[in-house]
PDB file of N, CA and C in Angstrom:
ATOM      1  N   MET A   1       0.833  -1.165   0.000  1.00  0.00           N
ATOM      2  CA  MET A   1       0.000   0.000   0.000  1.00  0.00           C
ATOM      3  C   MET A   1       0.889   1.244   0.000  1.00  0.00           C
ATOM      4  N   ARG A   2       0.539   2.173  -0.815  1.00  0.00           N
ATOM      5  CA  ARG A   2       1.293   3.414  -0.960  1.00  0.00           C
ATOM      6  C   ARG A   2       0.710   4.503  -0.098  1.00  0.00           C
ATOM      7  N   ARG A   3       1.591   5.256   0.502  1.00  0.00           N
ATOM      8  CA  ARG A   3       1.127   6.389   1.308  1.00  0.00           C
ATOM      9  C   ARG A   3       1.498   7.679   0.588  1.00  0.00           C
ATOM     10  N   ILE A   4       0.572   8.575   0.515  1.00  0.00           N
ATOM     11  CA  ILE A   4       0.799   9.865  -0.128  1.00  0.00           C
ATOM     12  C   ILE A   4       0.586  10.947   0.912  1.00  0.00           C
ATOM     13  N   LEU A   5       1.554  11.811   1.001  1.00  0.00           N
ATOM     14  CA  LEU A   5       1.470  12.922   1.940  1.00  0.00           C
ATOM     15  C   LEU A   5       1.207  14.192   1.142  1.00  0.00           C
ATOM     16  N   ILE A   6       0.136  14.837   1.438  1.00  0.00           N
ATOM     17  CA  ILE A   6      -0.214  16.086   0.768  1.00  0.00           C
ATOM     18  C   ILE A   6      -0.087  17.202   1.787  1.00  0.00           C
ATOM     19  N   VAL A   7       0.707  18.170   1.419  1.00  0.00           N
ATOM     20  CA  VAL A   7       0.910  19.316   2.300  1.00  0.00           C
ATOM     21  C   VAL A   7       0.319  20.535   1.622  1.00  0.00           C
ATOM     22  N   LEU A   8      -0.530  21.211   2.326  1.00  0.00           N
ATOM     23  CA  LEU A   8      -1.147  22.430   1.824  1.00  0.00           C
ATOM     24  C   LEU A   8      -0.630  23.590   2.645  1.00  0.00           C
ATOM     25  N   LEU A   9      -0.125  24.563   1.966  1.00  0.00           N
ATOM     26  CA  LEU A   9       0.371  25.739   2.664  1.00  0.00           C
ATOM     27  C   LEU A   9      -0.443  26.932   2.206  1.00  0.00           C
ATOM     28  N   ILE A  10      -1.077  27.541   3.145  1.00  0.00           N
ATOM     29  CA  ILE A  10      -1.877  28.720   2.837  1.00  0.00           C
ATOM     30  C   ILE A  10      -1.301  29.883   3.613  1.00  0.00           C
ATOM     31  N   ALA A  11      -0.934  30.885   2.886  1.00  0.00           N
ATOM     32  CA  ALA A  11      -0.382  32.083   3.530  1.00  0.00           C
ATOM     33  C   ALA A  11      -1.426  33.179   3.467  1.00  0.00           C
ATOM     34  N   LEU A  12      -1.744  33.655   4.622  1.00  0.00           N
ATOM     35  CA  LEU A  12      -2.690  34.760   4.693  1.00  0.00           C
ATOM     36  C   LEU A  12      -1.935  36.012   5.089  1.00  0.00           C
ATOM     37  N   ALA A  13      -2.207  37.056   4.383  1.00  0.00           N
ATOM     38  CA  ALA A  13      -1.540  38.319   4.698  1.00  0.00           C
ATOM     39  C   ALA A  13      -2.584  39.412   4.763  1.00  0.00           C
ATOM     40  N   ALA A  14      -2.412  40.273   5.715  1.00  0.00           N
ATOM     41  CA  ALA A  14      -3.326  41.410   5.822  1.00  0.00           C
ATOM     42  C   ALA A  14      -3.004  42.386   4.704  1.00  0.00           C
ATOM     43  N   PRO A  15      -4.014  43.027   4.162  1.00  0.00           N
ATOM     44  CA  PRO A  15      -3.747  44.011   3.119  1.00  0.00           C
ATOM     45  C   PRO A  15      -2.831  45.116   3.646  1.00  0.00           C
ATOM     46  N   VAL A  16      -1.920  45.522   2.809  1.00  0.00           N
ATOM     47  CA  VAL A  16      -0.966  46.554   3.189  1.00  0.00           C
ATOM     48  C   VAL A  16      -1.383  47.863   2.545  1.00  0.00           C
ATOM     49  N   MET A  17      -1.472  48.888   3.345  1.00  0.00           N
ATOM     50  CA  MET A  17      -1.835  50.206   2.830  1.00  0.00           C
ATOM     51  C   MET A  17      -0.552  50.976   2.577  1.00  0.00           C
ATOM     52  N   GLY A  18      -0.488  51.608   1.476  1.00  0.00           N
ATOM     53  CA  GLY A  18       0.686  52.408   1.156  1.00  0.00           C
ATOM     54  C   GLY A  18       0.562  52.967  -0.235  1.00  0.00           C
ATOM     55  N   GLN A  19       1.516  53.778  -0.570  1.00  0.00           N
ATOM     56  CA  GLN A  19       1.497  54.379  -1.891  1.00  0.00           C
ATOM     57  C   GLN A  19       2.883  54.241  -2.501  1.00  0.00           C
ATOM     58  N   THR A  20       2.912  53.743  -3.708  1.00  0.00           N
ATOM     59  CA  THR A  20       4.162  53.649  -4.436  1.00  0.00           C
ATOM     60  C   THR A  20       4.148  54.723  -5.504  1.00  0.00           C
ATOM     61  N   LEU A  21       5.139  55.570  -5.478  1.00  0.00           N
ATOM     62  CA  LEU A  21       5.213  56.627  -6.472  1.00  0.00           C
ATOM     63  C   LEU A  21       5.786  56.068  -7.762  1.00  0.00           C
ATOM     64  N   PRO A  22       5.192  56.416  -8.889  1.00  0.00           N
ATOM     65  CA  PRO A  22       5.718  55.912 -10.154  1.00  0.00           C
ATOM     66  C   PRO A  22       7.087  56.505 -10.466  1.00  0.00           C
ATOM     67  N   THR A  23       7.901  55.731 -11.158  1.00  0.00           N
ATOM     68  CA  THR A  23       9.204  56.239 -11.581  1.00  0.00           C
ATOM     69  C   THR A  23       8.996  57.180 -12.765  1.00  0.00           C
ATOM     70  N   PRO A  24       9.961  58.053 -13.046  1.00  0.00           N
ATOM     71  CA  PRO A  24       9.803  58.962 -14.184  1.00  0.00           C
ATOM     72  C   PRO A  24       9.526  58.247 -15.498  1.00  0.00           C
ATOM     73  N   SER A  25      10.134  57.077 -15.717  1.00  0.00           N
ATOM     74  CA  SER A  25       9.894  56.374 -16.974  1.00  0.00           C
ATOM     75  C   SER A  25       8.481  55.807 -17.046  1.00  0.00           C
ATOM     76  N   GLU A  26       7.854  55.509 -15.903  1.00  0.00           N
ATOM     77  CA  GLU A  26       6.471  55.042 -15.904  1.00  0.00           C
ATOM     78  C   GLU A  26       5.520  56.184 -16.220  1.00  0.00           C
ATOM     79  N   VAL A  27       5.791  57.361 -15.695  1.00  0.00           N
ATOM     80  CA  VAL A  27       4.925  58.516 -15.924  1.00  0.00           C
ATOM     81  C   VAL A  27       4.957  58.912 -17.390  1.00  0.00           C
ATOM     82  N   CYS A  28       6.137  58.914 -17.980  1.00  0.00           N
ATOM     83  CA  CYS A  28       6.286  59.386 -19.352  1.00  0.00           C
ATOM     84  C   CYS A  28       6.316  58.281 -20.397  1.00  0.00           C
ATOM     85  N   GLY A  29       6.187  57.068 -20.019  1.00  0.00           N
ATOM     86  CA  GLY A  29       6.099  55.993 -20.994  1.00  0.00           C
ATOM     87  C   GLY A  29       7.274  55.910 -21.951  1.00  0.00           C
ATOM     88  N   VAL A  30       8.473  55.731 -21.426  1.00  0.00           N
ATOM     89  CA  VAL A  30       9.670  55.618 -22.252  1.00  0.00           C
ATOM     90  C   VAL A  30       9.671  54.262 -22.963  1.00  0.00           C
ATOM     91  N   PHE A  31       9.944  54.286 -24.269  1.00  0.00           N
ATOM     92  CA  PHE A  31      10.050  53.044 -25.038  1.00  0.00           C
ATOM     93  C   PHE A  31      11.312  53.080 -25.890  1.00  0.00           C
ATOM     94  N   ALA A  32      12.088  52.015 -25.830  1.00  0.00           N
ATOM     95  CA  ALA A  32      13.275  51.868 -26.674  1.00  0.00           C
ATOM     96  C   ALA A  32      13.274  50.454 -27.241  1.00  0.00           C
ATOM     97  N   PRO A  33      13.316  50.317 -28.555  1.00  0.00           N
ATOM     98  CA  PRO A  33      13.365  48.968 -29.130  1.00  0.00           C
ATOM     99  C   PRO A  33      14.677  48.284 -28.769  1.00  0.00           C
ATOM    100  N   ASN A  34      14.677  46.962 -28.763  1.00  0.00           N
ATOM    101  CA  ASN A  34      15.904  46.243 -28.411  1.00  0.00           C
ATOM    102  C   ASN A  34      16.711  45.839 -29.639  1.00  0.00           C
ATOM    103  N   ALA A  35      16.193  46.133 -30.839  1.00  0.00           N
ATOM    104  CA  ALA A  35      16.925  45.842 -32.072  1.00  0.00           C
ATOM    105  C   ALA A  35      16.404  46.730 -33.197  1.00  0.00           C
ATOM    106  N   PHE A  36      17.259  46.953 -34.195  1.00  0.00           N
ATOM    107  CA  PHE A  36      16.820  47.635 -35.413  1.00  0.00           C
ATOM    108  C   PHE A  36      17.662  47.154 -36.589  1.00  0.00           C
ATOM    109  N   THR A  37      17.117  47.332 -37.798  1.00  0.00           N
ATOM    110  CA  THR A  37      17.744  46.803 -39.002  1.00  0.00           C
ATOM    111  C   THR A  37      17.872  47.910 -40.046  1.00  0.00           C
ATOM    112  N   PRO A  38      18.946  48.676 -40.015  1.00  0.00           N
ATOM    113  CA  PRO A  38      19.092  49.788 -40.959  1.00  0.00           C
ATOM    114  C   PRO A  38      19.491  49.319 -42.366  1.00  0.00           C
ATOM    115  N   ASN A  39      18.549  48.643 -43.042  1.00  0.00           N
ATOM    116  CA  ASN A  39      18.840  48.099 -44.370  1.00  0.00           C
ATOM    117  C   ASN A  39      18.004  48.756 -45.470  1.00  0.00           C
ATOM    118  N   ARG A  40      17.393  49.879 -45.150  1.00  0.00           N
ATOM    119  CA  ARG A  40      16.620  50.694 -46.100  1.00  0.00           C
ATOM    120  C   ARG A  40      15.398  49.982 -46.675  1.00  0.00           C
ATOM    121  N   ASP A  41      14.789  49.086 -45.890  1.00  0.00           N
ATOM    122  CA  ASP A  41      13.556  48.457 -46.352  1.00  0.00           C
ATOM    123  C   ASP A  41      12.329  49.150 -45.763  1.00  0.00           C
ATOM    124  N   ASN A  42      12.548  50.276 -45.101  1.00  0.00           N
ATOM    125  CA  ASN A  42      11.493  51.084 -44.471  1.00  0.00           C
ATOM    126  C   ASN A  42      10.806  50.385 -43.309  1.00  0.00           C
ATOM    127  N   THR A  43      11.451  49.384 -42.734  1.00  0.00           N
ATOM    128  CA  THR A  43      10.941  48.715 -41.545  1.00  0.00           C
ATOM    129  C   THR A  43      12.071  48.654 -40.521  1.00  0.00           C
ATOM    130  N   ASN A  44      11.887  49.303 -39.390  1.00  0.00           N
ATOM    131  CA  ASN A  44      12.881  49.310 -38.303  1.00  0.00           C
ATOM    132  C   ASN A  44      14.260  49.787 -38.756  1.00  0.00           C
ATOM    133  N   ASP A  45      14.295  50.791 -39.620  1.00  0.00           N
ATOM    134  CA  ASP A  45      15.565  51.293 -40.151  1.00  0.00           C
ATOM    135  C   ASP A  45      16.293  52.240 -39.207  1.00  0.00           C
ATOM    136  N   PHE A  46      15.616  52.732 -38.180  1.00  0.00           N
ATOM    137  CA  PHE A  46      16.204  53.732 -37.296  1.00  0.00           C
ATOM    138  C   PHE A  46      16.006  53.340 -35.840  1.00  0.00           C
ATOM    139  N   PHE A  47      16.928  53.818 -34.987  1.00  0.00           N
ATOM    140  CA  PHE A  47      16.804  53.611 -33.547  1.00  0.00           C
ATOM    141  C   PHE A  47      16.598  54.954 -32.869  1.00  0.00           C
ATOM    142  N   GLY A  48      15.653  54.981 -31.946  1.00  0.00           N
ATOM    143  CA  GLY A  48      15.424  56.163 -31.126  1.00  0.00           C
ATOM    144  C   GLY A  48      14.661  55.770 -29.879  1.00  0.00           C
ATOM    145  N   VAL A  49      14.798  56.565 -28.847  1.00  0.00           N
ATOM    146  CA  VAL A  49      14.059  56.344 -27.608  1.00  0.00           C
ATOM    147  C   VAL A  49      12.858  57.272 -27.644  1.00  0.00           C
ATOM    148  N   VAL A  50      11.682  56.695 -27.533  1.00  0.00           N
ATOM    149  CA  VAL A  50      10.441  57.449 -27.635  1.00  0.00           C
ATOM    150  C   VAL A  50       9.898  57.723 -26.240  1.00  0.00           C
ATOM    151  N   VAL A  51       9.530  58.965 -25.993  1.00  0.00           N
ATOM    152  CA  VAL A  51       8.934  59.367 -24.723  1.00  0.00           C
ATOM    153  C   VAL A  51       7.502  59.798 -25.006  1.00  0.00           C
ATOM    154  N   SER A  52       6.581  59.412 -24.152  1.00  0.00           N
ATOM    155  CA  SER A  52       5.167  59.715 -24.332  1.00  0.00           C
ATOM    156  C   SER A  52       4.929  61.194 -24.595  1.00  0.00           C
ATOM    157  N   GLU A  53       4.006  61.467 -25.501  1.00  0.00           N
ATOM    158  CA  GLU A  53       3.648  62.852 -25.807  1.00  0.00           C
ATOM    159  C   GLU A  53       2.888  63.512 -24.659  1.00  0.00           C
ATOM    160  N   ALA A  54       2.483  62.727 -23.664  1.00  0.00           N
ATOM    161  CA  ALA A  54       1.776  63.290 -22.510  1.00  0.00           C
ATOM    162  C   ALA A  54       2.689  64.182 -21.683  1.00  0.00           C
ATOM    163  N   CYS A  55       3.986  64.021 -21.849  1.00  0.00           N
ATOM    164  CA  CYS A  55       4.959  64.801 -21.087  1.00  0.00           C
ATOM    165  C   CYS A  55       5.681  65.770 -22.009  1.00  0.00           C
ATOM    166  N   GLU A  56       5.713  67.015 -21.610  1.00  0.00           N
ATOM    167  CA  GLU A  56       6.376  68.052 -22.403  1.00  0.00           C
ATOM    168  C   GLU A  56       7.872  68.039 -22.105  1.00  0.00           C
ATOM    169  N   MET A  57       8.672  67.788 -23.135  1.00  0.00           N
ATOM    170  CA  MET A  57      10.125  67.737 -22.981  1.00  0.00           C
ATOM    171  C   MET A  57      10.704  69.139 -22.830  1.00  0.00           C
ATOM    172  N   VAL A  58      11.557  69.301 -21.828  1.00  0.00           N
ATOM    173  CA  VAL A  58      12.285  70.549 -21.619  1.00  0.00           C
ATOM    174  C   VAL A  58      13.697  70.379 -22.174  1.00  0.00           C
ATOM    175  N   THR A  59      14.351  69.278 -21.805  1.00  0.00           N
ATOM    176  CA  THR A  59      15.657  68.925 -22.364  1.00  0.00           C
ATOM    177  C   THR A  59      15.624  67.454 -22.742  1.00  0.00           C
ATOM    178  N   TYR A  60      16.449  67.088 -23.705  1.00  0.00           N
ATOM    179  CA  TYR A  60      16.503  65.707 -24.183  1.00  0.00           C
ATOM    180  C   TYR A  60      17.912  65.453 -24.696  1.00  0.00           C
ATOM    181  N   GLY A  61      18.507  64.371 -24.274  1.00  0.00           N
ATOM    182  CA  GLY A  61      19.833  64.007 -24.761  1.00  0.00           C
ATOM    183  C   GLY A  61      19.965  62.503 -24.862  1.00  0.00           C
ATOM    184  N   LEU A  62      20.100  62.010 -26.076  1.00  0.00           N
ATOM    185  CA  LEU A  62      20.273  60.579 -26.313  1.00  0.00           C
ATOM    186  C   LEU A  62      21.678  60.356 -26.855  1.00  0.00           C
ATOM    187  N   ARG A  63      22.389  59.401 -26.254  1.00  0.00           N
ATOM    188  CA  ARG A  63      23.736  59.057 -26.707  1.00  0.00           C
ATOM    189  C   ARG A  63      23.816  57.547 -26.908  1.00  0.00           C
ATOM    190  N   VAL A  64      24.503  57.138 -27.965  1.00  0.00           N
ATOM    191  CA  VAL A  64      24.689  55.720 -28.273  1.00  0.00           C
ATOM    192  C   VAL A  64      26.189  55.451 -28.340  1.00  0.00           C
ATOM    193  N   PHE A  65      26.613  54.352 -27.706  1.00  0.00           N
ATOM    194  CA  PHE A  65      28.029  53.994 -27.621  1.00  0.00           C
ATOM    195  C   PHE A  65      28.257  52.612 -28.217  1.00  0.00           C
ATOM    196  N   ASP A  66      29.433  52.416 -28.833  1.00  0.00           N
ATOM    197  CA  ASP A  66      29.781  51.080 -29.307  1.00  0.00           C
ATOM    198  C   ASP A  66      30.352  50.264 -28.149  1.00  0.00           C
ATOM    199  N   ARG A  67      30.778  49.044 -28.436  1.00  0.00           N
ATOM    200  CA  ARG A  67      31.232  48.157 -27.351  1.00  0.00           C
ATOM    201  C   ARG A  67      32.533  48.607 -26.703  1.00  0.00           C
ATOM    202  N   TYR A  68      33.229  49.548 -27.323  1.00  0.00           N
ATOM    203  CA  TYR A  68      34.466  50.083 -26.750  1.00  0.00           C
ATOM    204  C   TYR A  68      34.225  51.368 -25.962  1.00  0.00           C
ATOM    205  N   GLY A  69      32.972  51.797 -25.899  1.00  0.00           N
ATOM    206  CA  GLY A  69      32.645  53.018 -25.171  1.00  0.00           C
ATOM    207  C   GLY A  69      32.764  54.281 -25.998  1.00  0.00           C
ATOM    208  N   ARG A  70      32.994  54.136 -27.293  1.00  0.00           N
ATOM    209  CA  ARG A  70      33.107  55.288 -28.184  1.00  0.00           C
ATOM    210  C   ARG A  70      31.713  55.814 -28.523  1.00  0.00           C
ATOM    211  N   LEU A  71      31.526  57.117 -28.410  1.00  0.00           N
ATOM    212  CA  LEU A  71      30.253  57.749 -28.749  1.00  0.00           C
ATOM    213  C   LEU A  71      30.068  57.699 -30.260  1.00  0.00           C
ATOM    214  N   VAL A  72      29.002  57.025 -30.723  1.00  0.00           N
ATOM    215  CA  VAL A  72      28.761  56.901 -32.162  1.00  0.00           C
ATOM    216  C   VAL A  72      27.536  57.678 -32.627  1.00  0.00           C
ATOM    217  N   TYR A  73      26.723  58.147 -31.687  1.00  0.00           N
ATOM    218  CA  TYR A  73      25.542  58.931 -32.054  1.00  0.00           C
ATOM    219  C   TYR A  73      25.125  59.769 -30.858  1.00  0.00           C
ATOM    220  N   GLU A  74      24.676  60.990 -31.145  1.00  0.00           N
ATOM    221  CA  GLU A  74      24.183  61.879 -30.092  1.00  0.00           C
ATOM    222  C   GLU A  74      23.145  62.807 -30.700  1.00  0.00           C
ATOM    223  N   CYS A  75      22.057  63.038 -29.967  1.00  0.00           N
ATOM    224  CA  CYS A  75      21.045  63.985 -30.442  1.00  0.00           C
ATOM    225  C   CYS A  75      20.384  64.674 -29.252  1.00  0.00           C
ATOM    226  N   THR A  76      19.820  65.839 -29.526  1.00  0.00           N
ATOM    227  CA  THR A  76      19.111  66.602 -28.493  1.00  0.00           C
ATOM    228  C   THR A  76      17.663  66.859 -28.885  1.00  0.00           C
ATOM    229  N   ASP A  77      17.218  66.278 -29.977  1.00  0.00           N
ATOM    230  CA  ASP A  77      15.838  66.420 -30.445  1.00  0.00           C
ATOM    231  C   ASP A  77      15.163  65.057 -30.351  1.00  0.00           C
ATOM    232  N   PRO A  78      14.071  64.937 -29.585  1.00  0.00           N
ATOM    233  CA  PRO A  78      13.426  63.627 -29.417  1.00  0.00           C
ATOM    234  C   PRO A  78      12.888  63.032 -30.717  1.00  0.00           C
ATOM    235  N   ARG A  79      12.791  63.824 -31.764  1.00  0.00           N
ATOM    236  CA  ARG A  79      12.297  63.304 -33.050  1.00  0.00           C
ATOM    237  C   ARG A  79      13.411  62.688 -33.893  1.00  0.00           C
ATOM    238  N   ASP A  80      14.672  62.956 -33.541  1.00  0.00           N
ATOM    239  CA  ASP A  80      15.803  62.417 -34.301  1.00  0.00           C
ATOM    240  C   ASP A  80      15.988  60.931 -34.011  1.00  0.00           C
ATOM    241  N   ARG A  81      16.506  60.217 -34.998  1.00  0.00           N
ATOM    242  CA  ARG A  81      16.745  58.778 -34.879  1.00  0.00           C
ATOM    243  C   ARG A  81      18.131  58.449 -35.438  1.00  0.00           C
ATOM    244  N   TRP A  82      18.733  57.384 -34.903  1.00  0.00           N
ATOM    245  CA  TRP A  82      20.036  56.925 -35.383  1.00  0.00           C
ATOM    246  C   TRP A  82      19.838  55.960 -36.536  1.00  0.00           C
ATOM    247  N   ASP A  83      20.590  56.156 -37.619  1.00  0.00           N
ATOM    248  CA  ASP A  83      20.478  55.312 -38.808  1.00  0.00           C
ATOM    249  C   ASP A  83      21.515  54.194 -38.863  1.00  0.00           C
ATOM    250  N   GLY A  84      22.282  54.010 -37.792  1.00  0.00           N
ATOM    251  CA  GLY A  84      23.273  52.945 -37.754  1.00  0.00           C
ATOM    252  C   GLY A  84      24.609  53.323 -38.372  1.00  0.00           C
ATOM    253  N   ASN A  85      24.792  54.608 -38.686  1.00  0.00           N
ATOM    254  CA  ASN A  85      26.045  55.086 -39.276  1.00  0.00           C
ATOM    255  C   ASN A  85      26.807  55.949 -38.286  1.00  0.00           C
ATOM    256  N   TYR A  86      28.126  56.013 -38.493  1.00  0.00           N
ATOM    257  CA  TYR A  86      28.994  56.885 -37.702  1.00  0.00           C
ATOM    258  C   TYR A  86      29.993  57.517 -38.658  1.00  0.00           C
ATOM    259  N   ASN A  87      30.003  58.830 -38.700  1.00  0.00           N
ATOM    260  CA  ASN A  87      30.871  59.570 -39.633  1.00  0.00           C
ATOM    261  C   ASN A  87      30.698  59.090 -41.074  1.00  0.00           C
ATOM    262  N   GLY A  88      29.437  58.819 -41.456  1.00  0.00           N
ATOM    263  CA  GLY A  88      29.140  58.419 -42.824  1.00  0.00           C
ATOM    264  C   GLY A  88      29.417  56.967 -43.153  1.00  0.00           C
ATOM    265  N   ARG A  89      29.879  56.187 -42.183  1.00  0.00           N
ATOM    266  CA  ARG A  89      30.168  54.776 -42.409  1.00  0.00           C
ATOM    267  C   ARG A  89      29.186  53.900 -41.649  1.00  0.00           C
ATOM    268  N   ALA A  90      28.768  52.819 -42.293  1.00  0.00           N
ATOM    269  CA  ALA A  90      27.854  51.872 -41.648  1.00  0.00           C
ATOM    270  C   ALA A  90      28.576  51.159 -40.508  1.00  0.00           C
ATOM    271  N   MET A  91      27.953  51.149 -39.343  1.00  0.00           N
ATOM    272  CA  MET A  91      28.520  50.454 -38.188  1.00  0.00           C
ATOM    273  C   MET A  91      28.280  48.954 -38.325  1.00  0.00           C
ATOM    274  N   LYS A  92      29.131  48.171 -37.666  1.00  0.00           N
ATOM    275  CA  LYS A  92      29.022  46.716 -37.713  1.00  0.00           C
ATOM    276  C   LYS A  92      27.821  46.241 -36.905  1.00  0.00           C
ATOM    277  N   GLU A  93      27.364  45.036 -37.239  1.00  0.00           N
ATOM    278  CA  GLU A  93      26.335  44.391 -36.428  1.00  0.00           C
ATOM    279  C   GLU A  93      26.861  44.232 -35.016  1.00  0.00           C
ATOM    280  N   GLY A  94      25.956  44.283 -34.064  1.00  0.00           N
ATOM    281  CA  GLY A  94      26.364  44.065 -32.688  1.00  0.00           C
ATOM    282  C   GLY A  94      25.487  44.819 -31.717  1.00  0.00           C
ATOM    283  N   THR A  95      25.885  44.775 -30.470  1.00  0.00           N
ATOM    284  CA  THR A  95      25.135  45.418 -29.395  1.00  0.00           C
ATOM    285  C   THR A  95      25.738  46.779 -29.101  1.00  0.00           C
ATOM    286  N   TYR A  96      24.878  47.767 -28.986  1.00  0.00           N
ATOM    287  CA  TYR A  96      25.270  49.140 -28.682  1.00  0.00           C
ATOM    288  C   TYR A  96      24.536  49.576 -27.422  1.00  0.00           C
ATOM    289  N   LEU A  97      25.182  50.375 -26.620  1.00  0.00           N
ATOM    290  CA  LEU A  97      24.577  50.879 -25.390  1.00  0.00           C
ATOM    291  C   LEU A  97      24.036  52.274 -25.637  1.00  0.00           C
ATOM    292  N   TRP A  98      22.874  52.565 -25.050  1.00  0.00           N
ATOM    293  CA  TRP A  98      22.302  53.901 -25.178  1.00  0.00           C
ATOM    294  C   TRP A  98      22.053  54.478 -23.797  1.00  0.00           C
ATOM    295  N   GLN A  99      22.056  55.799 -23.755  1.00  0.00           N
ATOM    296  CA  GLN A  99      21.829  56.520 -22.500  1.00  0.00           C
ATOM    297  C   GLN A  99      20.943  57.720 -22.813  1.00  0.00           C
ATOM    298  N   LEU A 100      19.874  57.860 -22.053  1.00  0.00           N
ATOM    299  CA  LEU A 100      18.954  58.983 -22.222  1.00  0.00           C
ATOM    300  C   LEU A 100      18.956  59.818 -20.956  1.00  0.00           C
ATOM    301  N   ASN A 101      19.166  61.112 -21.109  1.00  0.00           N
ATOM    302  CA  ASN A 101      19.025  62.075 -20.019  1.00  0.00           C
ATOM    303  C   ASN A 101      18.070  63.144 -20.511  1.00  0.00           C
ATOM    304  N   ALA A 102      16.986  63.317 -19.789  1.00  0.00           N
ATOM    305  CA  ALA A 102      15.971  64.271 -20.221  1.00  0.00           C
ATOM    306  C   ALA A 102      15.329  64.929 -19.012  1.00  0.00           C
ATOM    307  N   THR A 103      14.693  66.039 -19.266  1.00  0.00           N
ATOM    308  CA  THR A 103      13.882  66.726 -18.267  1.00  0.00           C
ATOM    309  C   THR A 103      12.536  67.000 -18.920  1.00  0.00           C
ATOM    310  N   TYR A 104      11.470  66.743 -18.193  1.00  0.00           N
ATOM    311  CA  TYR A 104      10.139  66.980 -18.745  1.00  0.00           C
ATOM    312  C   TYR A 104       9.240  67.600 -17.692  1.00  0.00           C
ATOM    313  N   ILE A 105       8.139  68.160 -18.162  1.00  0.00           N
ATOM    314  CA  ILE A 105       7.100  68.669 -17.267  1.00  0.00           C
ATOM    315  C   ILE A 105       6.045  67.580 -17.185  1.00  0.00           C
ATOM    316  N   ASP A 106       5.716  67.163 -15.962  1.00  0.00           N
ATOM    317  CA  ASP A 106       4.781  66.052 -15.805  1.00  0.00           C
ATOM    318  C   ASP A 106       3.407  66.400 -16.385  1.00  0.00           C
ATOM    319  N   PRO A 107       2.568  65.372 -16.638  1.00  0.00           N
ATOM    320  CA  PRO A 107       1.293  65.594 -17.313  1.00  0.00           C
ATOM    321  C   PRO A 107       0.366  66.611 -16.646  1.00  0.00           C
ATOM    322  N   ASP A 108       0.435  66.751 -15.315  1.00  0.00           N
ATOM    323  CA  ASP A 108      -0.449  67.741 -14.681  1.00  0.00           C
ATOM    324  C   ASP A 108       0.152  69.149 -14.717  1.00  0.00           C
ATOM    325  N   GLY A 109       1.367  69.280 -15.267  1.00  0.00           N
ATOM    326  CA  GLY A 109       1.974  70.592 -15.484  1.00  0.00           C
ATOM    327  C   GLY A 109       2.547  71.262 -14.258  1.00  0.00           C
ATOM    328  N   THR A 110       2.735  70.527 -13.172  1.00  0.00           N
ATOM    329  CA  THR A 110       3.187  71.156 -11.929  1.00  0.00           C
ATOM    330  C   THR A 110       4.669  70.960 -11.627  1.00  0.00           C
ATOM    331  N   ASN A 111       5.253  69.886 -12.099  1.00  0.00           N
ATOM    332  CA  ASN A 111       6.637  69.581 -11.724  1.00  0.00           C
ATOM    333  C   ASN A 111       7.525  69.360 -12.933  1.00  0.00           C
ATOM    334  N   GLN A 112       8.777  69.737 -12.774  1.00  0.00           N
ATOM    335  CA  GLN A 112       9.792  69.408 -13.760  1.00  0.00           C
ATOM    336  C   GLN A 112      10.541  68.192 -13.215  1.00  0.00           C
ATOM    337  N   VAL A 113      10.598  67.130 -14.006  1.00  0.00           N
ATOM    338  CA  VAL A 113      11.151  65.865 -13.545  1.00  0.00           C
ATOM    339  C   VAL A 113      12.350  65.479 -14.413  1.00  0.00           C
ATOM    340  N   ARG A 114      13.401  64.998 -13.759  1.00  0.00           N
ATOM    341  CA  ARG A 114      14.603  64.546 -14.471  1.00  0.00           C
ATOM    342  C   ARG A 114      14.472  63.053 -14.737  1.00  0.00           C
ATOM    343  N   LEU A 115      14.791  62.653 -15.937  1.00  0.00           N
ATOM    344  CA  LEU A 115      14.671  61.266 -16.363  1.00  0.00           C
ATOM    345  C   LEU A 115      16.032  60.774 -16.856  1.00  0.00           C
ATOM    346  N   SER A 116      16.500  59.664 -16.313  1.00  0.00           N
ATOM    347  CA  SER A 116      17.748  59.036 -16.764  1.00  0.00           C
ATOM    348  C   SER A 116      17.474  57.557 -16.991  1.00  0.00           C
ATOM    349  N   GLU A 117      17.666  57.117 -18.218  1.00  0.00           N
ATOM    350  CA  GLU A 117      17.455  55.713 -18.576  1.00  0.00           C
ATOM    351  C   GLU A 117      18.641  55.250 -19.399  1.00  0.00           C
ATOM    352  N   GLN A 118      18.890  53.953 -19.378  1.00  0.00           N
ATOM    353  CA  GLN A 118      19.939  53.383 -20.214  1.00  0.00           C
ATOM    354  C   GLN A 118      19.551  51.974 -20.599  1.00  0.00           C
ATOM    355  N   GLY A 119      20.154  51.493 -21.658  1.00  0.00           N
ATOM    356  CA  GLY A 119      19.849  50.155 -22.123  1.00  0.00           C
ATOM    357  C   GLY A 119      20.757  49.770 -23.271  1.00  0.00           C
ATOM    358  N   SER A 120      20.361  48.731 -23.976  1.00  0.00           N
ATOM    359  CA  SER A 120      21.150  48.283 -25.117  1.00  0.00           C
ATOM    360  C   SER A 120      20.234  48.031 -26.304  1.00  0.00           C
ATOM    361  N   VAL A 121      20.821  48.096 -27.483  1.00  0.00           N
ATOM    362  CA  VAL A 121      20.091  47.838 -28.719  1.00  0.00           C
ATOM    363  C   VAL A 121      21.015  47.037 -29.635  1.00  0.00           C
ATOM    364  N   VAL A 122      20.431  46.097 -30.353  1.00  0.00           N
ATOM    365  CA  VAL A 122      21.207  45.277 -31.277  1.00  0.00           C
ATOM    366  C   VAL A 122      21.001  45.807 -32.691  1.00  0.00           C
ATOM    367  N   LEU A 123      22.102  46.106 -33.367  1.00  0.00           N
ATOM    368  CA  LEU A 123      22.067  46.526 -34.762  1.00  0.00           C
ATOM    369  C   LEU A 123      22.227  45.268 -35.610  1.00  0.00           C
ATOM    370  N   ILE A 124      21.244  45.012 -36.469  1.00  0.00           N
ATOM    371  CA  ILE A 124      21.243  43.823 -37.322  1.00  0.00           C
ATOM    372  C   ILE A 124      21.304  44.275 -38.775  1.00  0.00           C
ATOM    373  N   ARG A 125      22.274  43.795 -39.506  1.00  0.00           N
ATOM    374  CA  ARG A 125      22.416  44.157 -40.932  1.00  0.00           C
ATOM    375  C   ARG A 125      21.889  43.035 -41.800  1.00  0.00           C
TER     376      ARG A 125
END
């Protein structure tokens, strides 16, 4: 005869009251793709970090670095995008690091908030 032991664990927790403030990237809806293909097929040809239009940009600075830490792209206009070139030459496939530093006015128009985000993007040829 086989014996089976069944253990049931029920954890009860009292509801916790509190408030979590959203991070600047949650308020402004920052989006950065993780890859792009600058092959002129009009699909994913450019890389850029998009910030929600709900937030009015005061300052914006996007920088992209290669794997050696060399700055290969920089812009101060949120509408600008990187085409995968540096000094007129096509960059190699690989992973590039990006850094965004921006200041925006929050959606209710009362505060100026500083936003700093970073990540990586893969350039695929």
